[in-house]
Amino acid sequence: MSYREHWRLGALLLLVTLAAVALFAPTGASAGPTGGGPTNLHYGLALSGGTRIRAPLVGLTAEGVNVSGNNQEALQTAVADQLDGVSPSNVQYRPRLHTVEVFADVNQSAFANALHAAGVTYHTIRPGVTAPTRDTAVKVISKKIDDSGLAGGTVQQVTTSTGEHFIVIEVPNQNTSAVEQLVSTRGVVEIVAHYPNASGSGYQEQTVLTNQQLHQGTIGSAQESQAQTWVPVTLTKSAAASFSSDMRQDGFTSGAGVENCPPDAPPNGNNTDGYCLYTVADGRVVFSASMGSSLAQSIQDGSFQASPTFRMLTGGNITTARELQINLQAGALPAPLDLHTRGTAYYLAPSLAQSFKLYSVLVGLIAVFAVAGVVFLRYGDPKVAAPMIVTALSEVFILLGFAAAVGLALDLSHIAGLIAVIGTGVDDLIIIADEVMAEGSVSSNRVFQNRFRKAFWVIGGAAATTIIAMSPLAILSLGDLRGFAIVTILGVFIGVLITRPAYGDILRILLTRE
């Protein structure tokens, strides 16, 4: 047998080998809550249990905005000043889209009045936020889930028939409260300086490190030692220069500004005397600290800017430290999720999900045996039927190996796609066998190639039709239908490029006499 002549059969064997490695080779790490067992497969919500949350982002969008003479920050500040309880960080002006968004629970009339007061004209105000805001939210939530160690979690956008946009979060093997706690807050972390004002008759506060400045730096892992917890942070050069300048200007690096934050300062009490650096998470002080003498000295002599690393203290609560670490690494959500008014959440018990997994395996086996029985009854020749079943199963095996290699969390929609792949694959193989054996025995390779070529044109046309029909489902955010379409399209590609030609090579070896 010429390996060059039967390269497709060799390609099939290679893919099956790679799939076996992806499925069964030790990975050197725990499979996590969505995997385990004899394979490296991961399972989605329906096959492992867990939580699914569906909620929109809070906000209003003014479209057709026309602004003259205002820069972005000035406009955001001007609009926020007209809305009670809304900070400039909750207003987003996008010049390219000609939109202004507010990420707060305000009514449309109040937003309209704020825009007019800020000198902004617009065409319409609609509920919801813009596509870039939704894209950012998906990335941030995905990063939060990954950084928190919740394996197998997925985040995606879905659009209803009425044009409403929702964020769908699925985290296998986790209860609802844990997931809601992770995504319910925006995760805005800041360092705020509290110090006496210039007149000496009161105190003032200033944000000296914003969430963006902290996020752009290098965030270490939360640590705990001697009843104290912290998150190590290394600032960028620009953030370190700005922070150093503010600390010197506000008096934190000399005299009374060093080691002068009272122990009963917020959140431990209401004492607002002294010089304090507040760690603020979503507007709430989680810890207050003094300017340490060593840090003050390094800022004074300039060594801090050369190595701008410091500890963001969080008290003795390691959970708070880990939450801060996740929020700093992932960045802040551009807008909060509306979990309680328009959001929905449900929890699937792992025990019920295990039964779904068992039923999925049974349905798959029934499909295989049913197809095998029909094929053997149709042909009665093991040389034709046996390779057909083996080839169809190898296609499913390759798809499972691909899922294990890319970490795809299998769900019921993917299982349905695998079953569909078995059916369509065997259909194509039957077309090949019928065309090759239509006029009796195959006398030569040339005759076989002519007959196989005719069959393959039919298979290629059917494959193109399937791919075209499934492509919209694979591209659009249509929930479970997307997983079904993606698996089906992958199966068609593998079939047309590898398994169908490989089956033809097998038949040629078994049936031709020259």
Protein backbone atom coordinates (compact mmCIF):
# COMPACT_ATOMS: atom_id res chain seq x y z
CA MET A 1 0.00 0.00 0.00
CA SER A 2 1.32 3.45 -0.96
CA TYR A 3 1.20 5.90 1.95
CA ARG A 4 1.09 8.80 -0.50
CA GLU A 5 -1.90 7.27 -2.26
CA HIS A 6 -3.80 6.68 1.00
CA TRP A 7 -2.74 9.82 2.90
CA ARG A 8 -6.32 10.54 4.01
CA LEU A 9 -6.43 7.25 5.89
CA GLY A 10 -3.14 8.21 7.53
CA ALA A 11 -4.58 11.63 8.41
CA LEU A 12 -7.58 9.93 10.04
CA LEU A 13 -5.33 7.71 12.14
CA LEU A 14 -3.24 10.73 13.14
CA LEU A 15 -6.31 12.71 14.23
CA VAL A 16 -7.65 9.76 16.20
CA THR A 17 -4.29 9.44 17.95
CA LEU A 18 -4.20 13.16 18.79
CA ALA A 19 -7.78 12.96 20.06
CA ALA A 20 -6.84 10.04 22.31
CA VAL A 21 -3.95 12.05 23.73
CA ALA A 22 -6.21 15.05 24.37
CA LEU A 23 -8.84 12.87 26.03
CA PHE A 24 -6.74 10.58 28.19
CA ALA A 25 -3.22 12.01 28.63
CA PRO A 26 -2.47 13.38 32.13
CA THR A 27 -2.69 17.16 32.13
CA GLY A 28 -0.61 17.77 35.25
CA ALA A 29 -3.45 19.71 36.86
CA SER A 30 -6.73 18.96 38.53
CA ALA A 31 -9.64 18.62 36.16
CA GLY A 32 -11.67 20.95 38.34
CA PRO A 33 -15.32 20.79 39.26
CA THR A 34 -16.50 20.35 35.68
CA GLY A 35 -14.19 17.52 34.71
CA GLY A 36 -12.69 14.53 36.42
CA GLY A 37 -13.18 10.84 35.69
CA PRO A 38 -11.23 8.86 33.12
CA THR A 39 -11.15 11.64 30.50
CA ASN A 40 -10.08 15.27 30.29
CA LEU A 41 -13.55 16.38 29.17
CA HIS A 42 -15.27 19.29 30.85
CA TYR A 43 -19.03 19.56 31.23
CA GLY A 44 -21.38 22.49 31.13
CA LEU A 45 -24.22 23.43 33.39
CA ALA A 46 -26.72 20.81 32.26
CA LEU A 47 -24.23 17.93 32.72
CA SER A 48 -22.51 19.01 35.92
CA GLY A 49 -25.01 21.24 37.73
CA GLY A 50 -24.47 24.82 38.73
CA THR A 51 -25.84 28.33 38.34
CA ARG A 52 -27.13 30.27 35.36
CA ILE A 53 -27.75 34.04 35.64
CA ARG A 54 -29.39 36.14 32.95
CA ALA A 55 -29.53 39.89 33.49
CA PRO A 56 -29.25 43.17 31.57
CA LEU A 57 -26.81 45.95 32.36
CA VAL A 58 -28.22 48.96 34.17
CA GLY A 59 -28.18 52.13 32.10
CA LEU A 60 -29.69 54.59 29.65
CA THR A 61 -28.22 55.72 26.34
CA ALA A 62 -28.71 59.06 24.60
CA GLU A 63 -28.20 58.66 20.85
CA GLY A 64 -27.46 61.25 18.18
CA VAL A 65 -25.50 63.34 20.65
CA ASN A 66 -24.12 66.64 19.42
CA VAL A 67 -21.50 68.28 21.63
CA SER A 68 -19.44 71.38 20.96
CA GLY A 69 -16.59 72.77 22.99
CA ASN A 70 -16.46 70.01 25.64
CA ASN A 71 -13.89 67.29 26.06
CA GLN A 72 -14.87 63.83 27.22
CA GLU A 73 -14.05 64.20 30.92
CA ALA A 74 -15.63 67.64 31.18
CA LEU A 75 -18.86 66.43 29.60
CA GLN A 76 -19.07 63.35 31.82
CA THR A 77 -18.51 65.51 34.92
CA ALA A 78 -21.09 68.07 33.79
CA VAL A 79 -23.78 65.42 33.25
CA ALA A 80 -22.97 63.60 36.51
CA ASP A 81 -23.21 66.83 38.51
CA GLN A 82 -26.85 67.16 37.44
CA LEU A 83 -27.81 63.65 38.64
CA ASP A 84 -28.16 62.81 42.32
CA GLY A 85 -25.77 60.12 43.51
CA VAL A 86 -24.11 59.68 40.12
CA SER A 87 -20.33 60.07 39.80
CA PRO A 88 -18.47 60.91 36.57
CA SER A 89 -17.31 57.28 36.37
CA ASN A 90 -20.97 56.32 35.85
CA VAL A 91 -21.25 58.49 32.73
CA GLN A 92 -19.65 57.49 29.42
CA TYR A 93 -19.39 59.75 26.35
CA ARG A 94 -18.49 57.95 23.12
CA PRO A 95 -17.72 60.55 20.42
CA ARG A 96 -17.45 57.99 17.60
CA LEU A 97 -20.88 56.55 18.37
CA HIS A 98 -22.38 59.97 19.23
CA THR A 99 -23.79 58.57 22.46
CA VAL A 100 -23.81 59.40 26.15
CA GLU A 101 -24.53 56.59 28.62
CA VAL A 102 -25.40 56.73 32.29
CA PHE A 103 -24.80 53.56 34.31
CA ALA A 104 -27.22 54.17 37.17
CA ASP A 105 -30.87 53.66 38.03
CA VAL A 106 -32.21 57.04 36.87
CA ASN A 107 -35.35 57.81 34.88
CA GLN A 108 -35.28 59.14 31.35
CA SER A 109 -36.63 62.58 32.23
CA ALA A 110 -33.90 63.16 34.83
CA PHE A 111 -31.27 62.06 32.30
CA ALA A 112 -32.76 64.35 29.66
CA ASN A 113 -32.71 67.31 32.06
CA ALA A 114 -29.08 66.58 32.96
CA LEU A 115 -28.09 66.51 29.28
CA HIS A 116 -29.86 69.81 28.62
CA ALA A 117 -28.23 71.41 31.65
CA ALA A 118 -24.82 70.25 30.41
CA GLY A 119 -25.48 71.78 26.97
CA VAL A 120 -25.87 68.43 25.18
CA THR A 121 -28.38 67.94 22.39
CA TYR A 122 -29.54 64.46 21.33
CA HIS A 123 -32.11 62.66 19.22
CA THR A 124 -33.45 59.91 21.47
CA ILE A 125 -32.93 58.27 24.86
CA ARG A 126 -33.37 54.52 25.07
CA PRO A 127 -33.03 51.94 27.85
CA GLY A 128 -29.84 49.87 27.85
CA VAL A 129 -26.21 50.49 27.01
CA THR A 130 -24.08 50.41 23.86
CA ALA A 131 -22.42 47.37 22.29
CA PRO A 132 -18.87 48.37 23.42
CA THR A 133 -20.12 48.58 27.01
CA ARG A 134 -21.66 45.12 26.77
CA ASP A 135 -18.47 43.72 25.20
CA THR A 136 -16.39 45.17 28.03
CA ALA A 137 -18.77 43.73 30.63
CA VAL A 138 -18.47 40.24 29.09
CA LYS A 139 -14.66 40.44 29.15
CA VAL A 140 -14.54 41.69 32.75
CA ILE A 141 -16.98 39.06 34.07
CA SER A 142 -15.12 36.31 32.19
CA LYS A 143 -11.85 37.49 33.73
CA LYS A 144 -13.42 37.54 37.20
CA ILE A 145 -14.66 33.98 36.80
CA ASP A 146 -11.28 32.77 35.52
CA ASP A 147 -9.32 34.57 38.26
CA SER A 148 -11.60 33.20 40.96
CA GLY A 149 -10.85 29.62 39.91
CA LEU A 150 -14.42 28.73 38.87
CA ALA A 151 -13.53 26.35 36.05
CA GLY A 152 -15.86 25.93 33.08
CA GLY A 153 -17.70 29.23 33.48
CA THR A 154 -18.99 30.95 30.35
CA VAL A 155 -20.24 34.49 29.72
CA GLN A 156 -22.05 35.60 26.58
CA GLN A 157 -24.50 38.14 25.24
CA VAL A 158 -27.98 37.21 24.05
CA THR A 159 -30.51 39.37 22.26
CA THR A 160 -34.26 38.77 22.52
CA SER A 161 -36.74 39.07 19.67
CA THR A 162 -37.73 42.50 21.02
CA GLY A 163 -34.16 43.79 20.79
CA GLU A 164 -33.31 43.59 24.51
CA HIS A 165 -29.75 42.67 25.40
CA PHE A 166 -28.85 40.36 28.28
CA ILE A 167 -25.63 38.99 29.76
CA VAL A 168 -25.84 35.25 30.41
CA ILE A 169 -23.44 33.79 32.98
CA GLU A 170 -23.12 30.04 33.51
CA VAL A 171 -20.84 28.62 36.18
CA PRO A 172 -20.95 24.82 36.61
CA ASN A 173 -20.96 23.22 40.05
CA GLN A 174 -21.39 26.51 41.95
CA ASN A 175 -24.35 27.71 43.97
CA THR A 176 -26.25 30.87 43.09
CA SER A 177 -25.10 32.97 46.04
CA ALA A 178 -21.40 32.46 45.24
CA VAL A 179 -21.86 33.50 41.61
CA GLU A 180 -24.06 36.49 42.47
CA GLN A 181 -21.52 37.66 45.03
CA LEU A 182 -18.83 37.58 42.35
CA VAL A 183 -20.77 39.53 39.68
CA SER A 184 -23.20 41.67 41.68
CA THR A 185 -20.72 44.51 42.27
CA ARG A 186 -18.86 46.56 39.71
CA GLY A 187 -15.51 46.03 41.42
CA VAL A 188 -14.35 49.65 41.45
CA VAL A 189 -11.29 49.81 43.75
CA GLU A 190 -9.60 53.10 44.61
CA ILE A 191 -7.13 54.55 47.07
CA VAL A 192 -8.52 57.72 48.67
CA ALA A 193 -6.40 60.09 50.74
CA HIS A 194 -8.07 61.67 53.80
CA TYR A 195 -6.16 64.63 55.26
CA PRO A 196 -6.58 68.12 56.86
CA ASN A 197 -7.53 70.89 54.47
CA ALA A 198 -5.37 73.93 53.87
CA SER A 199 -7.21 76.08 56.42
CA GLY A 200 -6.76 73.46 59.15
CA SER A 201 -10.43 73.69 60.11
CA GLY A 202 -11.57 70.43 58.57
CA TYR A 203 -10.65 67.50 56.41
CA GLN A 204 -10.87 66.71 52.73
CA GLU A 205 -10.59 63.60 50.58
CA GLN A 206 -8.95 63.00 47.22
CA THR A 207 -8.69 59.90 45.01
CA VAL A 208 -4.96 59.35 44.60
CA LEU A 209 -5.06 56.01 42.76
CA THR A 210 -8.01 55.28 40.48
CA ASN A 211 -9.30 51.84 39.55
CA GLN A 212 -7.81 52.20 36.07
CA GLN A 213 -4.37 53.13 37.43
CA LEU A 214 -4.38 50.13 39.75
CA HIS A 215 -5.67 47.78 37.05
CA GLN A 216 -2.93 48.85 34.64
CA GLY A 217 -0.28 47.85 37.16
CA THR A 218 0.85 44.38 38.18
CA ILE A 219 -1.42 42.72 40.74
CA GLY A 220 -0.02 39.97 42.95
CA SER A 221 -1.84 37.23 44.85
CA ALA A 222 -3.62 38.00 48.10
CA GLN A 223 -1.40 37.18 51.08
CA GLU A 224 -1.84 36.73 54.80
CA SER A 225 0.66 37.01 57.65
CA GLN A 226 0.47 37.84 61.35
CA ALA A 227 -3.26 38.64 61.35
CA GLN A 228 -2.82 41.01 58.40
CA THR A 229 -3.87 40.56 54.77
CA TRP A 230 -2.85 42.51 51.70
CA VAL A 231 -2.61 42.56 47.92
CA PRO A 232 0.81 43.46 46.44
CA VAL A 233 0.53 46.08 43.69
CA THR A 234 3.22 47.40 41.33
CA LEU A 235 2.20 50.65 39.68
CA THR A 236 3.07 51.90 36.24
CA LYS A 237 5.62 54.72 36.06
CA SER A 238 2.99 57.36 35.30
CA ALA A 239 0.73 56.21 38.16
CA ALA A 240 3.70 56.10 40.56
CA ALA A 241 4.70 59.65 39.61
CA SER A 242 1.15 60.93 40.11
CA PHE A 243 0.75 59.12 43.44
CA SER A 244 4.11 60.37 44.74
CA SER A 245 3.27 63.94 43.80
CA ASP A 246 -0.12 63.78 45.56
CA MET A 247 1.41 62.27 48.70
CA ARG A 248 4.05 64.99 48.97
CA GLN A 249 1.58 67.76 48.20
CA ASP A 250 -1.01 66.52 50.72
CA GLY A 251 1.55 66.22 53.52
CA PHE A 252 1.64 62.42 53.85
CA THR A 253 5.43 62.04 53.56
CA SER A 254 6.64 64.26 56.38
CA GLY A 255 5.73 65.45 59.88
CA ALA A 256 2.25 64.59 61.11
CA GLY A 257 1.36 62.86 57.84
CA VAL A 258 3.40 59.75 58.71
CA GLU A 259 1.92 56.98 60.89
CA ASN A 260 -1.02 59.19 61.84
CA CYS A 261 -4.26 57.37 61.03
CA PRO A 262 -6.29 56.54 64.19
CA PRO A 263 -7.19 52.88 64.79
CA ASP A 264 -10.90 53.76 65.01
CA ALA A 265 -10.98 55.37 61.55
CA PRO A 266 -13.48 53.97 59.02
CA PRO A 267 -14.46 51.19 58.68
CA ASN A 268 -13.55 50.40 62.31
CA GLY A 269 -15.16 53.57 63.67
CA ASN A 270 -16.17 57.14 62.90
CA ASN A 271 -12.95 58.93 63.81
CA THR A 272 -12.03 61.12 60.82
CA ASP A 273 -8.94 62.76 62.31
CA GLY A 274 -5.38 62.34 61.08
CA TYR A 275 -3.90 61.35 57.74
CA CYS A 276 -5.46 58.16 56.36
CA LEU A 277 -5.26 56.21 53.12
CA TYR A 278 -8.60 54.51 52.53
CA THR A 279 -8.98 51.37 50.43
CA VAL A 280 -12.39 51.94 48.86
CA ALA A 281 -14.31 49.19 47.04
CA ASP A 282 -17.50 50.24 45.22
CA GLY A 283 -17.76 53.36 47.35
CA ARG A 284 -17.28 51.52 50.67
CA VAL A 285 -14.18 51.90 52.85
CA VAL A 286 -12.86 48.41 53.50
CA PHE A 287 -9.65 49.43 55.27
CA SER A 288 -7.81 52.54 56.43
CA ALA A 289 -4.06 52.73 56.88
CA SER A 290 -1.40 55.23 57.82
CA MET A 291 1.41 56.24 55.52
CA GLY A 292 4.26 54.00 56.62
CA SER A 293 7.60 55.62 57.42
CA SER A 294 9.51 53.45 54.96
CA LEU A 295 7.08 54.18 52.12
CA ALA A 296 7.11 57.90 52.98
CA GLN A 297 10.92 57.92 52.89
CA SER A 298 11.01 56.12 49.54
CA ILE A 299 8.59 58.66 48.07
CA GLN A 300 10.65 61.53 49.44
CA ASP A 301 13.98 60.30 48.07
CA GLY A 302 12.52 59.14 44.74
CA SER A 303 13.28 55.43 45.14
CA PHE A 304 9.57 54.58 45.11
CA GLN A 305 9.24 55.69 41.49
CA ALA A 306 12.13 53.44 40.54
CA SER A 307 10.42 50.44 42.18
CA PRO A 308 6.74 51.40 42.70
CA THR A 309 5.56 48.36 44.66
CA PHE A 310 3.41 48.62 47.78
CA ARG A 311 0.95 46.59 49.83
CA MET A 312 -2.76 47.36 49.57
CA LEU A 313 -3.80 46.40 53.10
CA THR A 314 -7.23 44.86 53.75
CA GLY A 315 -7.16 44.10 57.46
CA GLY A 316 -7.34 40.53 58.70
CA ASN A 317 -9.92 39.25 56.20
CA ILE A 318 -8.35 37.10 53.50
CA THR A 319 -11.72 36.86 51.68
CA THR A 320 -11.77 40.64 51.21
CA ALA A 321 -8.17 40.54 50.00
CA ARG A 322 -9.01 37.91 47.39
CA GLU A 323 -12.04 39.88 46.23
CA LEU A 324 -9.87 42.96 45.82
CA GLN A 325 -7.29 40.93 43.90
CA ILE A 326 -9.93 39.62 41.48
CA ASN A 327 -11.46 43.06 40.98
CA LEU A 328 -8.07 44.67 40.39
CA GLN A 329 -6.98 42.01 37.92
CA ALA A 330 -10.25 41.92 35.99
CA GLY A 331 -10.97 45.64 36.06
CA ALA A 332 -14.25 47.32 36.94
CA LEU A 333 -17.54 46.50 35.28
CA PRO A 334 -18.59 49.47 33.15
CA ALA A 335 -22.15 49.12 34.44
CA PRO A 336 -23.82 47.05 37.17
CA LEU A 337 -26.00 44.05 36.34
CA ASP A 338 -29.72 44.39 37.05
CA LEU A 339 -29.92 41.13 39.00
CA HIS A 340 -33.00 41.84 41.10
CA THR A 341 -35.47 43.70 38.87
CA ARG A 342 -35.08 42.13 35.42
CA GLY A 343 -32.53 39.42 36.09
CA THR A 344 -33.24 35.72 36.54
CA ALA A 345 -31.17 32.98 38.15
CA TYR A 346 -31.60 29.26 38.60
CA TYR A 347 -29.59 26.48 40.15
CA LEU A 348 -29.36 22.92 38.85
CA ALA A 349 -28.41 20.32 41.45
CA PRO A 350 -25.35 18.21 40.52
CA SER A 351 -27.28 15.00 41.28
CA LEU A 352 -29.88 15.88 38.64
CA ALA A 353 -27.17 16.85 36.19
CA GLN A 354 -25.52 13.45 36.67
CA SER A 355 -28.72 11.78 35.53
CA PHE A 356 -28.70 13.97 32.40
CA LYS A 357 -25.14 12.83 31.73
CA LEU A 358 -26.15 9.17 32.08
CA TYR A 359 -29.14 9.61 29.78
CA SER A 360 -26.93 11.37 27.21
CA VAL A 361 -24.54 8.40 27.16
CA LEU A 362 -27.47 5.97 26.81
CA VAL A 363 -28.98 7.94 23.93
CA GLY A 364 -25.60 8.03 22.20
CA LEU A 365 -25.16 4.26 22.56
CA ILE A 366 -28.70 3.62 21.33
CA ALA A 367 -28.03 5.79 18.28
CA VAL A 368 -24.80 3.92 17.54
CA PHE A 369 -26.35 0.45 17.86
CA ALA A 370 -29.41 1.47 15.87
CA VAL A 371 -27.29 2.80 13.03
CA ALA A 372 -25.02 -0.27 13.16
CA GLY A 373 -28.02 -2.61 12.96
CA VAL A 374 -29.53 -0.82 9.98
CA VAL A 375 -26.21 -0.74 8.13
CA PHE A 376 -25.59 -4.47 8.62
CA LEU A 377 -29.15 -5.29 7.52
CA ARG A 378 -28.71 -3.07 4.46
CA TYR A 379 -25.43 -4.52 3.22
CA GLY A 380 -24.83 -7.80 5.00
CA ASP A 381 -21.16 -7.53 4.09
CA PRO A 382 -18.84 -6.85 7.07
CA LYS A 383 -16.20 -5.44 4.69
CA VAL A 384 -18.60 -2.57 3.87
CA ALA A 385 -20.58 -2.16 7.09
CA ALA A 386 -17.86 -2.53 9.76
CA PRO A 387 -15.57 0.22 8.36
CA MET A 388 -18.64 2.44 8.03
CA ILE A 389 -19.45 2.20 11.74
CA VAL A 390 -15.80 2.56 12.78
CA THR A 391 -15.37 5.63 10.57
CA ALA A 392 -18.53 7.30 11.93
CA LEU A 393 -17.47 6.65 15.52
CA SER A 394 -13.96 7.95 14.82
CA GLU A 395 -15.54 11.23 13.72
CA VAL A 396 -17.29 11.57 17.09
CA PHE A 397 -14.09 10.55 18.89
CA ILE A 398 -12.15 13.31 17.08
CA LEU A 399 -14.78 15.88 18.04
CA LEU A 400 -14.58 14.81 21.70
CA GLY A 401 -10.79 15.09 21.54
CA PHE A 402 -11.13 18.59 20.11
CA ALA A 403 -13.51 19.53 22.95
CA ALA A 404 -11.01 18.24 25.52
CA ALA A 405 -8.10 20.05 23.85
CA VAL A 406 -9.81 23.48 23.78
CA GLY A 407 -11.52 23.07 27.17
CA LEU A 408 -15.04 23.20 25.72
CA ALA A 409 -17.63 22.58 28.42
CA LEU A 410 -19.96 19.98 26.91
CA ASP A 411 -23.66 20.63 27.32
CA LEU A 412 -26.85 18.99 26.10
CA SER A 413 -26.71 21.06 22.91
CA HIS A 414 -23.25 19.68 22.13
CA ILE A 415 -24.44 16.12 22.78
CA ALA A 416 -27.34 16.70 20.36
CA GLY A 417 -24.81 17.92 17.81
CA LEU A 418 -22.69 14.78 18.26
CA ILE A 419 -25.75 12.58 17.70
CA ALA A 420 -26.60 14.61 14.58
CA VAL A 421 -23.02 14.12 13.37
CA ILE A 422 -23.44 10.33 13.69
CA GLY A 423 -26.61 10.44 11.57
CA THR A 424 -25.32 12.75 8.84
CA GLY A 425 -21.97 10.94 8.76
CA VAL A 426 -23.52 7.53 8.21
CA ASP A 427 -25.83 9.00 5.56
CA ASP A 428 -22.81 10.18 3.60
CA LEU A 429 -21.02 6.86 4.03
CA ILE A 430 -24.08 5.01 2.75
CA ILE A 431 -24.09 7.26 -0.33
CA ILE A 432 -20.45 6.31 -0.94
CA ALA A 433 -21.09 2.58 -0.48
CA ASP A 434 -24.21 2.58 -2.69
CA GLU A 435 -22.49 4.48 -5.49
CA VAL A 436 -19.36 2.33 -5.37
CA MET A 437 -21.34 -0.94 -5.34
CA ALA A 438 -24.17 0.21 -7.60
CA GLU A 439 -23.04 -1.83 -10.61
CA GLY A 440 -21.66 -4.90 -8.89
CA SER A 441 -18.10 -5.58 -7.92
CA VAL A 442 -15.32 -3.05 -8.37
CA SER A 443 -12.83 -4.37 -10.87
CA SER A 444 -10.09 -1.73 -10.66
CA ASN A 445 -8.88 1.40 -8.90
CA ARG A 446 -9.91 3.50 -11.90
CA VAL A 447 -13.50 2.28 -11.74
CA PHE A 448 -13.57 2.83 -7.99
CA GLN A 449 -12.25 6.40 -8.34
CA ASN A 450 -14.88 7.28 -10.94
CA ARG A 451 -17.72 5.99 -8.78
CA PHE A 452 -16.30 7.54 -5.60
CA ARG A 453 -15.94 10.90 -7.32
CA LYS A 454 -19.63 10.91 -8.27
CA ALA A 455 -20.61 10.12 -4.68
CA PHE A 456 -18.31 12.76 -3.27
CA TRP A 457 -19.92 15.50 -5.40
CA VAL A 458 -23.26 14.64 -3.78
CA ILE A 459 -21.68 14.61 -0.31
CA GLY A 460 -19.94 17.93 -0.92
CA GLY A 461 -23.17 19.59 -1.99
CA ALA A 462 -25.01 18.27 1.05
CA ALA A 463 -22.18 19.44 3.34
CA ALA A 464 -22.23 22.94 1.85
CA THR A 465 -25.99 23.11 2.38
CA THR A 466 -25.64 22.02 6.02
CA ILE A 467 -22.88 24.55 6.72
CA ILE A 468 -24.86 27.40 5.13
CA ALA A 469 -28.00 26.46 7.06
CA MET A 470 -26.16 26.17 10.40
CA SER A 471 -23.92 29.23 10.06
CA PRO A 472 -26.50 31.78 11.30
CA LEU A 473 -27.13 29.64 14.38
CA ALA A 474 -23.39 29.41 15.05
CA ILE A 475 -22.81 33.16 14.66
CA LEU A 476 -25.86 34.64 16.37
CA SER A 477 -26.26 34.61 20.16
CA LEU A 478 -29.10 32.11 20.31
CA GLY A 479 -28.20 30.22 23.47
CA ASP A 480 -28.08 26.43 23.25
CA LEU A 481 -28.70 26.43 19.48
CA ARG A 482 -25.26 27.90 19.00
CA GLY A 483 -23.49 24.92 20.59
CA PHE A 484 -25.52 22.49 18.48
CA ALA A 485 -24.66 24.38 15.29
CA ILE A 486 -20.94 24.66 16.07
CA VAL A 487 -20.54 20.92 16.75
CA THR A 488 -22.52 20.04 13.63
CA ILE A 489 -20.43 22.33 11.40
CA LEU A 490 -17.16 20.99 12.86
CA GLY A 491 -18.40 17.44 12.26
CA VAL A 492 -19.25 18.25 8.64
CA PHE A 493 -15.81 19.76 8.01
CA ILE A 494 -14.01 16.78 9.58
CA GLY A 495 -16.22 14.41 7.61
CA VAL A 496 -15.74 16.03 4.21
CA LEU A 497 -12.02 16.64 4.62
CA ILE A 498 -10.94 13.48 6.46
CA THR A 499 -13.38 10.71 7.40
CA ARG A 500 -15.38 10.35 4.14
CA PRO A 501 -12.24 10.22 1.96
CA ALA A 502 -10.63 7.86 4.49
CA TYR A 503 -13.66 5.54 4.25
CA GLY A 504 -13.23 5.62 0.49
CA ASP A 505 -9.60 4.53 0.91
CA ILE A 506 -10.69 1.66 3.16
CA LEU A 507 -13.28 0.48 0.63
CA ARG A 508 -10.76 0.71 -2.19
CA ILE A 509 -8.31 -1.47 -0.25
CA LEU A 510 -11.00 -4.05 0.63
CA LEU A 511 -13.01 -4.18 -2.59
CA THR A 512 -10.66 -3.59 -5.52
CA ARG A 513 -8.68 -6.44 -7.03
CA GLU A 514 -6.04 -4.38 -8.86
